[in-house]
């Protein structure tokens, strides 16, 4: 099916946004793990390596990597929203 130019550009912008958010989440979880668990460096390094592999193959538009990239971004978004809701409800229910 034919795609118009603006549709392709829009999809590319959305994909770049997914990549940006994924990069931020991979780096932030790596730094969080390193600073909260200074005695264990293997697990954060392994997670960073897996994130970089997914990011590398997602840039090449491999279907499995794009799927995992989008899945992990949405998992982080849902986690942030749930943490925010829990903190709001905790403030109202336990005060």
Protein backbone atom coordinates (compact mmCIF):
# COMPACT_ATOMS: atom_id res chain seq x y z
CA UNK A 1 0.00 0.00 0.00
CA UNK A 2 1.24 3.46 -0.85
CA UNK A 3 2.33 5.74 2.00
CA UNK A 4 2.42 9.48 1.67
CA UNK A 5 5.62 11.32 2.48
CA UNK A 6 4.25 13.01 5.60
CA UNK A 7 3.09 9.64 6.98
CA UNK A 8 6.57 8.20 6.59
CA UNK A 9 8.12 11.25 8.24
CA UNK A 10 5.63 11.03 11.11
CA UNK A 11 6.41 7.34 11.69
CA UNK A 12 10.14 8.09 11.61
CA UNK A 13 9.74 10.88 14.20
CA UNK A 14 7.78 8.56 16.48
CA UNK A 15 10.42 5.85 16.10
CA UNK A 16 13.19 8.33 16.94
CA UNK A 17 11.24 9.34 20.04
CA UNK A 18 11.02 5.67 21.07
CA UNK A 19 14.79 5.37 20.57
CA UNK A 20 15.47 8.49 22.64
CA UNK A 21 13.26 7.36 25.52
CA UNK A 22 14.77 3.87 25.39
CA UNK A 23 18.29 5.31 25.54
CA UNK A 24 17.39 7.44 28.54
CA UNK A 25 15.80 4.51 30.37
CA UNK A 26 18.74 2.19 29.69
CA UNK A 27 21.25 4.75 30.94
CA UNK A 28 19.17 5.76 33.96
CA UNK A 29 18.60 2.17 35.08
CA UNK A 30 22.30 1.45 34.63
CA UNK A 31 23.32 4.45 36.73
CA UNK A 32 20.67 3.71 39.35
CA UNK A 33 21.87 0.12 39.68
CA UNK A 34 25.53 1.15 39.85
CA UNK A 35 24.96 3.74 42.58
CA UNK A 36 22.49 1.71 44.66
CA UNK A 37 24.42 -1.58 44.46
CA UNK A 38 28.10 -0.61 44.47
CA UNK A 39 29.28 -4.13 45.36
CA UNK A 40 27.60 -5.78 42.34
CA UNK A 41 28.68 -4.44 38.95
CA UNK A 42 27.99 -7.49 36.76
CA UNK A 43 24.19 -7.27 36.67
CA UNK A 44 24.00 -3.56 35.71
CA UNK A 45 26.67 -4.10 33.07
CA UNK A 46 24.75 -7.07 31.66
CA UNK A 47 21.54 -5.00 31.51
CA UNK A 48 23.40 -2.18 29.76
CA UNK A 49 24.86 -4.62 27.25
CA UNK A 50 21.43 -6.11 26.48
CA UNK A 51 20.01 -2.60 26.08
CA UNK A 52 22.78 -1.61 23.69
CA UNK A 53 22.24 -4.75 21.60
CA UNK A 54 18.52 -4.04 21.34
CA UNK A 55 19.23 -0.40 20.49
CA UNK A 56 21.80 -1.36 17.82
CA UNK A 57 19.49 -3.79 16.06
CA UNK A 58 16.49 -1.47 16.41
CA UNK A 59 18.43 1.18 14.50
CA UNK A 60 18.77 -1.37 11.70
CA UNK A 61 14.97 -1.85 11.87
CA UNK A 62 15.08 -5.51 12.87
CA UNK A 63 11.51 -6.49 13.78
CA UNK A 64 12.36 -8.30 17.02
CA UNK A 65 14.47 -5.41 18.29
CA UNK A 66 11.85 -2.80 17.42
CA UNK A 67 9.27 -4.92 19.26
CA UNK A 68 11.43 -5.14 22.39
CA UNK A 69 12.30 -1.45 22.19
CA UNK A 70 8.63 -0.43 22.10
CA UNK A 71 7.70 -3.01 24.73
CA UNK A 72 10.35 -1.82 27.18
CA UNK A 73 9.49 1.85 26.62
CA UNK A 74 5.81 1.18 27.31
CA UNK A 75 6.69 -0.91 30.36
CA UNK A 76 8.70 1.99 31.77
CA UNK A 77 5.91 4.48 31.01
CA UNK A 78 3.32 2.30 32.75
CA UNK A 79 5.65 1.81 35.71
CA UNK A 80 6.16 5.56 36.07
CA UNK A 81 2.41 6.19 35.88
CA UNK A 82 1.67 3.49 38.46
CA UNK A 83 4.34 4.84 40.81
CA UNK A 84 2.82 8.30 40.50
CA UNK A 85 -0.70 7.01 41.17
CA UNK A 86 0.45 5.00 44.17
CA UNK A 87 2.22 8.01 45.67
CA UNK A 88 -0.88 10.18 45.14
CA UNK A 89 -3.22 7.59 46.69
CA UNK A 90 -0.79 6.96 49.52
CA UNK A 91 -0.80 10.65 50.38
CA UNK A 92 -4.62 10.78 50.48
CA UNK A 93 -5.28 7.46 52.21
CA UNK A 94 -2.65 7.48 54.94
CA UNK A 95 -2.79 11.11 56.11
